[in-house]
N, C-alpha and C. Protein backbone atom coordinates (compact mmCIF):
# COMPACT_ATOMS: atom_id res chain seq x y z
N UNK A 1 9.60 74.70 57.86
CA UNK A 1 8.36 74.39 57.18
C UNK A 1 7.76 75.70 56.66
N UNK A 2 6.62 75.66 56.01
CA UNK A 2 6.08 76.86 55.40
C UNK A 2 5.94 78.00 56.40
N UNK A 3 6.38 79.18 55.97
CA UNK A 3 6.25 80.34 56.83
C UNK A 3 5.75 81.55 56.07
N UNK A 4 6.35 81.85 54.94
CA UNK A 4 5.99 83.07 54.21
C UNK A 4 4.53 83.05 53.78
N UNK A 5 3.79 84.06 54.16
CA UNK A 5 2.41 84.20 53.73
C UNK A 5 1.45 83.19 54.34
N UNK A 6 1.83 82.54 55.41
CA UNK A 6 0.93 81.56 56.01
C UNK A 6 0.14 82.20 57.14
N UNK A 7 -0.94 81.56 57.46
CA UNK A 7 -1.74 81.99 58.61
C UNK A 7 -2.18 80.73 59.34
N UNK A 8 -2.71 80.85 60.54
CA UNK A 8 -3.13 79.65 61.28
C UNK A 8 -4.19 78.83 60.53
N UNK A 9 -4.88 79.43 59.56
CA UNK A 9 -5.93 78.71 58.86
C UNK A 9 -5.51 78.21 57.47
N UNK A 10 -4.25 78.48 57.08
CA UNK A 10 -3.79 78.03 55.77
C UNK A 10 -3.75 76.50 55.75
N UNK A 11 -4.49 75.86 54.83
CA UNK A 11 -4.45 74.40 54.78
C UNK A 11 -3.21 73.90 54.04
N UNK A 12 -2.54 72.92 54.62
CA UNK A 12 -1.36 72.32 54.01
C UNK A 12 -1.63 70.85 53.71
N UNK A 13 -0.88 70.36 52.76
CA UNK A 13 -1.05 69.01 52.24
C UNK A 13 0.22 68.21 52.48
N UNK A 14 0.03 66.93 52.75
CA UNK A 14 1.14 65.98 52.89
C UNK A 14 0.86 64.85 51.92
N UNK A 15 1.80 64.59 51.02
CA UNK A 15 1.64 63.47 50.10
C UNK A 15 2.73 62.44 50.38
N UNK A 16 2.38 61.20 50.15
CA UNK A 16 3.32 60.09 50.34
C UNK A 16 3.29 59.23 49.09
N UNK A 17 4.48 58.96 48.55
CA UNK A 17 4.60 58.15 47.34
C UNK A 17 5.55 56.99 47.64
N UNK A 18 5.01 55.78 47.77
CA UNK A 18 5.88 54.61 47.96
C UNK A 18 6.31 54.05 46.60
N UNK A 19 7.51 53.49 46.55
CA UNK A 19 8.01 52.89 45.30
C UNK A 19 9.03 51.83 45.66
N UNK A 20 8.85 50.64 45.12
CA UNK A 20 9.85 49.56 45.27
C UNK A 20 10.83 49.70 44.12
N UNK A 21 12.12 49.70 44.46
CA UNK A 21 13.17 49.87 43.45
C UNK A 21 14.13 48.69 43.55
N UNK A 22 14.36 48.05 42.42
CA UNK A 22 15.21 46.86 42.37
C UNK A 22 16.68 47.25 42.39
N UNK A 23 17.13 47.72 43.54
CA UNK A 23 18.52 48.12 43.76
C UNK A 23 18.72 48.22 45.27
N UNK A 24 19.96 48.30 45.69
CA UNK A 24 20.25 48.43 47.12
C UNK A 24 19.94 49.84 47.61
N UNK A 25 19.75 50.02 48.91
CA UNK A 25 19.56 51.37 49.45
C UNK A 25 20.74 52.30 49.10
N UNK A 26 21.97 51.77 49.11
CA UNK A 26 23.12 52.59 48.73
C UNK A 26 22.98 53.12 47.31
N UNK A 27 22.55 52.26 46.38
CA UNK A 27 22.40 52.68 44.99
C UNK A 27 21.28 53.71 44.83
N UNK A 28 20.18 53.51 45.54
CA UNK A 28 19.06 54.46 45.46
C UNK A 28 19.47 55.79 46.08
N UNK A 29 20.14 55.74 47.22
CA UNK A 29 20.63 56.96 47.87
C UNK A 29 21.56 57.72 46.92
N UNK A 30 22.52 57.02 46.33
CA UNK A 30 23.47 57.68 45.42
C UNK A 30 22.77 58.28 44.21
N UNK A 31 21.72 57.64 43.71
CA UNK A 31 20.99 58.18 42.55
C UNK A 31 20.39 59.55 42.87
N UNK A 32 20.01 59.77 44.12
CA UNK A 32 19.47 61.06 44.56
C UNK A 32 20.57 62.03 44.96
N UNK A 33 21.64 61.52 45.59
CA UNK A 33 22.62 62.38 46.25
C UNK A 33 23.84 62.74 45.40
N UNK A 34 24.19 61.93 44.43
CA UNK A 34 25.37 62.19 43.60
C UNK A 34 24.94 62.98 42.37
N UNK A 35 25.45 64.19 42.20
CA UNK A 35 25.00 65.05 41.09
C UNK A 35 25.04 64.40 39.71
N UNK A 36 26.11 63.69 39.37
CA UNK A 36 26.20 63.09 38.04
C UNK A 36 25.14 62.01 37.83
N UNK A 37 24.88 61.22 38.85
CA UNK A 37 23.84 60.19 38.74
C UNK A 37 22.45 60.84 38.70
N UNK A 38 22.23 61.82 39.55
CA UNK A 38 20.93 62.51 39.61
C UNK A 38 20.55 63.08 38.24
N UNK A 39 21.49 63.73 37.58
CA UNK A 39 21.22 64.32 36.27
C UNK A 39 20.86 63.28 35.22
N UNK A 40 21.36 62.07 35.38
CA UNK A 40 21.12 61.02 34.38
C UNK A 40 19.71 60.45 34.44
N UNK A 41 19.04 60.53 35.57
CA UNK A 41 17.68 59.97 35.62
C UNK A 41 16.62 61.04 35.88
N UNK A 42 16.93 62.11 36.59
CA UNK A 42 15.93 63.12 36.89
C UNK A 42 15.63 63.98 35.67
N UNK A 43 16.50 63.92 34.68
CA UNK A 43 16.31 64.57 33.39
C UNK A 43 15.94 66.04 33.51
N UNK A 44 16.77 66.79 34.22
CA UNK A 44 16.48 68.22 34.35
C UNK A 44 16.81 68.97 33.07
N UNK A 45 16.10 70.05 32.87
CA UNK A 45 16.46 70.96 31.79
C UNK A 45 17.77 71.65 32.17
N UNK A 46 17.83 72.12 33.40
CA UNK A 46 19.04 72.74 33.92
C UNK A 46 19.06 72.51 35.42
N UNK A 47 20.22 72.19 35.93
CA UNK A 47 20.34 71.98 37.36
C UNK A 47 21.69 72.45 37.86
N UNK A 48 21.71 72.96 39.06
CA UNK A 48 22.95 73.28 39.75
C UNK A 48 22.92 72.43 41.00
N UNK A 49 23.75 71.41 41.02
CA UNK A 49 23.75 70.43 42.10
C UNK A 49 25.15 70.26 42.65
N UNK A 50 25.20 69.97 43.94
CA UNK A 50 26.45 69.60 44.57
C UNK A 50 26.16 68.32 45.35
N UNK A 51 27.22 67.66 45.78
CA UNK A 51 27.02 66.46 46.58
C UNK A 51 26.16 66.78 47.80
N UNK A 52 25.29 65.87 48.15
CA UNK A 52 24.37 66.09 49.27
C UNK A 52 25.12 66.29 50.58
N UNK A 53 24.87 67.41 51.22
CA UNK A 53 25.42 67.72 52.54
C UNK A 53 24.47 68.71 53.20
N UNK A 54 24.34 68.62 54.50
CA UNK A 54 23.43 69.48 55.24
C UNK A 54 23.74 70.95 54.95
N UNK A 55 22.71 71.70 54.67
CA UNK A 55 22.72 73.13 54.34
C UNK A 55 23.26 73.44 52.95
N UNK A 56 23.59 72.43 52.17
CA UNK A 56 24.01 72.66 50.78
C UNK A 56 22.78 73.01 49.95
N UNK A 57 22.90 74.03 49.12
CA UNK A 57 21.80 74.46 48.27
C UNK A 57 21.87 73.78 46.91
N UNK A 58 20.71 73.56 46.29
CA UNK A 58 20.67 73.10 44.91
C UNK A 58 19.45 73.66 44.21
N UNK A 59 19.53 73.65 42.89
CA UNK A 59 18.53 74.28 42.05
C UNK A 59 18.21 73.36 40.89
N UNK A 60 16.95 73.36 40.48
CA UNK A 60 16.53 72.49 39.37
C UNK A 60 15.41 73.17 38.61
N UNK A 61 15.46 73.08 37.28
CA UNK A 61 14.38 73.60 36.44
C UNK A 61 13.65 72.45 35.80
N UNK A 62 12.34 72.45 35.91
CA UNK A 62 11.50 71.44 35.27
C UNK A 62 10.87 72.05 34.02
N UNK A 63 10.93 71.33 32.93
CA UNK A 63 10.25 71.74 31.71
C UNK A 63 8.90 71.03 31.73
N UNK A 64 7.84 71.78 32.07
CA UNK A 64 6.52 71.17 32.25
C UNK A 64 5.45 72.12 31.69
N UNK A 65 4.52 71.55 30.97
CA UNK A 65 3.38 72.31 30.42
C UNK A 65 3.84 73.49 29.58
N UNK A 66 4.92 73.28 28.84
CA UNK A 66 5.38 74.30 27.90
C UNK A 66 6.18 75.45 28.47
N UNK A 67 6.61 75.31 29.73
CA UNK A 67 7.45 76.37 30.31
C UNK A 67 8.36 75.80 31.38
N UNK A 68 9.32 76.60 31.82
CA UNK A 68 10.26 76.18 32.86
C UNK A 68 9.74 76.56 34.24
N UNK A 69 9.93 75.65 35.19
CA UNK A 69 9.54 75.87 36.58
C UNK A 69 10.80 75.76 37.44
N UNK A 70 11.18 76.84 38.09
CA UNK A 70 12.36 76.85 38.95
C UNK A 70 12.04 76.23 40.31
N UNK A 71 12.98 75.44 40.82
CA UNK A 71 12.84 74.81 42.14
C UNK A 71 14.11 75.13 42.94
N UNK A 72 13.93 75.59 44.16
CA UNK A 72 15.03 75.94 45.03
C UNK A 72 15.00 75.00 46.23
N UNK A 73 16.16 74.39 46.53
CA UNK A 73 16.20 73.35 47.54
C UNK A 73 17.43 73.52 48.44
N UNK A 74 17.32 72.97 49.65
CA UNK A 74 18.42 72.96 50.61
C UNK A 74 18.35 71.66 51.40
N UNK A 75 19.48 70.95 51.47
CA UNK A 75 19.51 69.71 52.23
C UNK A 75 19.40 69.98 53.73
N UNK A 76 18.53 69.23 54.38
CA UNK A 76 18.32 69.35 55.82
C UNK A 76 18.94 68.18 56.59
N UNK A 77 18.75 66.97 56.06
CA UNK A 77 19.33 65.77 56.69
C UNK A 77 19.88 64.86 55.60
N UNK A 78 21.05 64.33 55.85
CA UNK A 78 21.70 63.40 54.93
C UNK A 78 22.23 62.26 55.78
N UNK A 79 21.57 61.11 55.72
CA UNK A 79 21.94 59.95 56.53
C UNK A 79 22.08 58.74 55.62
N UNK A 80 23.24 58.60 55.02
CA UNK A 80 23.51 57.54 54.06
C UNK A 80 23.43 56.19 54.74
N UNK A 81 22.76 55.22 54.17
CA UNK A 81 22.01 55.18 52.92
C UNK A 81 20.50 55.17 53.14
N UNK A 82 20.06 55.66 54.27
CA UNK A 82 18.64 55.46 54.60
C UNK A 82 17.75 56.69 54.50
N UNK A 83 18.32 57.91 54.48
CA UNK A 83 17.45 59.07 54.54
C UNK A 83 18.09 60.31 53.89
N UNK A 84 17.28 61.00 53.13
CA UNK A 84 17.61 62.33 52.61
C UNK A 84 16.41 63.22 52.87
N UNK A 85 16.67 64.43 53.31
CA UNK A 85 15.58 65.37 53.52
C UNK A 85 16.04 66.74 53.02
N UNK A 86 15.16 67.41 52.26
CA UNK A 86 15.51 68.71 51.72
C UNK A 86 14.27 69.59 51.61
N UNK A 87 14.53 70.90 51.63
CA UNK A 87 13.44 71.84 51.40
C UNK A 87 13.15 71.86 49.91
N UNK A 88 11.96 72.33 49.56
CA UNK A 88 11.51 72.38 48.17
C UNK A 88 10.62 73.60 48.02
N UNK A 89 11.05 74.54 47.19
CA UNK A 89 10.27 75.76 47.02
C UNK A 89 10.20 76.09 45.53
N UNK A 90 9.01 76.43 45.08
CA UNK A 90 8.80 76.77 43.67
C UNK A 90 7.50 77.57 43.56
N UNK A 91 7.21 77.98 42.35
CA UNK A 91 5.93 78.65 42.10
C UNK A 91 4.77 77.75 42.50
N UNK A 92 4.91 76.44 42.28
CA UNK A 92 3.84 75.48 42.59
C UNK A 92 3.64 75.29 44.09
N UNK A 93 4.60 75.72 44.91
CA UNK A 93 4.40 75.70 46.37
C UNK A 93 3.99 77.08 46.86
N UNK A 94 3.67 77.97 45.91
CA UNK A 94 3.28 79.36 46.20
C UNK A 94 4.41 80.11 46.91
N UNK A 95 5.66 79.69 46.63
CA UNK A 95 6.82 80.33 47.24
C UNK A 95 7.07 79.91 48.67
N UNK A 96 6.28 78.96 49.16
CA UNK A 96 6.47 78.45 50.52
C UNK A 96 7.52 77.35 50.52
N UNK A 97 8.28 77.28 51.57
CA UNK A 97 9.30 76.25 51.70
C UNK A 97 8.66 74.98 52.25
N UNK A 98 8.50 73.99 51.38
CA UNK A 98 7.95 72.69 51.80
C UNK A 98 9.12 71.76 52.07
N UNK A 99 8.83 70.52 52.44
CA UNK A 99 9.88 69.59 52.84
C UNK A 99 9.65 68.23 52.20
N UNK A 100 10.73 67.70 51.58
CA UNK A 100 10.70 66.37 50.96
C UNK A 100 11.60 65.45 51.78
N UNK A 101 11.06 64.29 52.16
CA UNK A 101 11.83 63.29 52.89
C UNK A 101 11.83 62.00 52.09
N UNK A 102 13.02 61.44 51.88
CA UNK A 102 13.18 60.17 51.19
C UNK A 102 13.70 59.16 52.20
N UNK A 103 12.92 58.10 52.43
CA UNK A 103 13.33 57.05 53.35
C UNK A 103 13.55 55.78 52.53
N UNK A 104 14.73 55.16 52.70
CA UNK A 104 15.10 53.98 51.93
C UNK A 104 15.35 52.82 52.88
N UNK A 105 14.62 51.72 52.66
CA UNK A 105 14.74 50.56 53.51
C UNK A 105 15.00 49.33 52.65
N UNK A 106 16.02 48.56 53.02
CA UNK A 106 16.31 47.31 52.31
C UNK A 106 15.15 46.34 52.52
N UNK A 107 14.76 45.66 51.43
CA UNK A 107 13.64 44.73 51.51
C UNK A 107 13.78 43.66 50.44
N UNK A 108 14.10 42.45 50.86
CA UNK A 108 14.17 41.29 49.97
C UNK A 108 14.98 41.58 48.70
N UNK A 109 16.21 42.09 48.88
CA UNK A 109 17.10 42.32 47.75
C UNK A 109 16.81 43.57 46.96
N UNK A 110 15.93 44.42 47.44
CA UNK A 110 15.59 45.66 46.75
C UNK A 110 15.48 46.76 47.80
N UNK A 111 14.91 47.89 47.41
CA UNK A 111 14.72 49.01 48.33
C UNK A 111 13.28 49.48 48.28
N UNK A 112 12.70 49.62 49.45
CA UNK A 112 11.39 50.27 49.55
C UNK A 112 11.67 51.74 49.82
N UNK A 113 11.31 52.57 48.84
CA UNK A 113 11.48 54.01 48.95
C UNK A 113 10.14 54.62 49.35
N UNK A 114 10.15 55.47 50.35
CA UNK A 114 8.95 56.24 50.72
C UNK A 114 9.34 57.71 50.58
N UNK A 115 8.68 58.39 49.66
CA UNK A 115 8.88 59.82 49.47
C UNK A 115 7.69 60.53 50.10
N UNK A 116 7.97 61.42 51.03
CA UNK A 116 6.94 62.21 51.68
C UNK A 116 7.21 63.68 51.40
N UNK A 117 6.20 64.37 50.89
CA UNK A 117 6.33 65.81 50.63
C UNK A 117 5.31 66.50 51.52
N UNK A 118 5.81 67.27 52.47
CA UNK A 118 4.98 67.86 53.51
C UNK A 118 5.01 69.39 53.40
N UNK A 119 3.89 70.03 53.71
CA UNK A 119 3.81 71.48 53.73
C UNK A 119 3.45 72.11 52.40
N UNK A 120 2.87 71.32 51.52
CA UNK A 120 2.41 71.85 50.23
C UNK A 120 1.09 72.59 50.41
N UNK A 121 0.85 73.62 49.61
CA UNK A 121 -0.47 74.25 49.67
C UNK A 121 -1.53 73.25 49.20
N UNK A 122 -2.64 73.22 49.88
CA UNK A 122 -3.72 72.29 49.53
C UNK A 122 -4.56 72.92 48.42
N UNK A 123 -3.97 72.95 47.22
CA UNK A 123 -4.66 73.47 46.05
C UNK A 123 -4.23 72.62 44.85
N UNK A 124 -4.68 72.98 43.67
CA UNK A 124 -4.40 72.17 42.49
C UNK A 124 -2.91 72.00 42.24
N UNK A 125 -2.14 73.07 42.36
CA UNK A 125 -0.69 72.95 42.11
C UNK A 125 -0.01 72.13 43.20
N UNK A 126 -0.41 72.29 44.44
CA UNK A 126 0.16 71.49 45.51
C UNK A 126 -0.14 70.02 45.32
N UNK A 127 -1.40 69.71 45.00
CA UNK A 127 -1.80 68.31 44.79
C UNK A 127 -1.11 67.70 43.58
N UNK A 128 -0.76 68.53 42.59
CA UNK A 128 -0.08 68.03 41.40
C UNK A 128 1.29 67.43 41.68
N UNK A 129 1.87 67.73 42.83
CA UNK A 129 3.17 67.14 43.18
C UNK A 129 3.09 65.63 43.31
N UNK A 130 1.93 65.11 43.70
CA UNK A 130 1.83 63.65 43.85
C UNK A 130 2.10 62.95 42.52
N UNK A 131 1.45 63.39 41.45
CA UNK A 131 1.70 62.78 40.13
C UNK A 131 3.12 63.02 39.68
N UNK A 132 3.66 64.20 39.98
CA UNK A 132 5.05 64.49 39.62
C UNK A 132 6.01 63.54 40.29
N UNK A 133 5.83 63.32 41.60
CA UNK A 133 6.73 62.41 42.32
C UNK A 133 6.54 60.97 41.88
N UNK A 134 5.31 60.56 41.56
CA UNK A 134 5.10 59.21 41.03
C UNK A 134 5.83 59.05 39.71
N UNK A 135 5.77 60.08 38.87
CA UNK A 135 6.46 60.06 37.58
C UNK A 135 7.97 59.89 37.78
N UNK A 136 8.57 60.74 38.61
CA UNK A 136 10.02 60.71 38.77
C UNK A 136 10.51 59.46 39.50
N UNK A 137 9.79 58.98 40.50
CA UNK A 137 10.24 57.74 41.16
C UNK A 137 10.08 56.56 40.21
N UNK A 138 9.11 56.62 39.31
CA UNK A 138 8.97 55.59 38.27
C UNK A 138 10.14 55.59 37.31
N UNK A 139 10.58 56.79 36.91
CA UNK A 139 11.76 56.89 36.03
C UNK A 139 12.98 56.30 36.74
N UNK A 140 13.16 56.65 38.02
CA UNK A 140 14.29 56.10 38.77
C UNK A 140 14.22 54.58 38.80
N UNK A 141 13.06 54.02 39.08
CA UNK A 141 12.91 52.57 39.14
C UNK A 141 13.29 51.92 37.80
N UNK A 142 12.95 52.58 36.69
CA UNK A 142 13.28 52.05 35.37
C UNK A 142 14.76 52.19 35.03
N UNK A 143 15.38 53.29 35.42
CA UNK A 143 16.74 53.61 34.98
C UNK A 143 17.83 53.22 35.95
N UNK A 144 17.48 52.77 37.16
CA UNK A 144 18.48 52.53 38.20
C UNK A 144 19.57 51.56 37.74
N UNK A 145 19.21 50.54 37.01
CA UNK A 145 20.22 49.56 36.58
C UNK A 145 21.23 50.19 35.63
N UNK A 146 20.82 51.13 34.81
CA UNK A 146 21.72 51.80 33.89
C UNK A 146 22.64 52.81 34.56
N UNK A 147 22.40 53.13 35.82
CA UNK A 147 23.22 54.09 36.53
C UNK A 147 24.46 53.45 37.14
N UNK A 148 24.44 52.13 37.29
CA UNK A 148 25.54 51.43 37.97
C UNK A 148 26.80 51.46 37.18
C-alpha cells in the first residue's frame, strides 16, 4: 500500500465502483487479464501488457486532458474467474502505490463487478479516479459482447 512520502496523518481515499456486465465472470476476467482483449476495450494510447500473473508488471498510458499519463502496475492476486488485484501508480496517485481490486460474481446470467481502488491520495486527482473507473467499466460493459 502507499509508502513513499506518507506520514501517519496523510489522508487516503477508497473508491468503489460497482458495474453489472452482461457476460460471464470468465469473460469479464479475460477482458481484464488477456492483453489482446484488454487493448480492445481499454483503448490505451500505449500499453505494455502480459498475461495476468502474480508479480507480473504492466504499463499503460492514458491520453487525458491533452497529455499522456503513465501508469505503472504489478499484479498482486490472480484468482480466475473471480478476482484480480494489482498495484496502480501514476502522477495522479502522487507517485504512491495504490491498489485496485476487481471482484467478479455471477448474478442471474451476468456478472456483478466491484472495482475498489484503495490508497489514493484524498485530493482532486485521487478523487478523479472514481469518474475514470466509471468511464472504463462503462466501456467494458458496452464492448464486452464484441470481444467474444
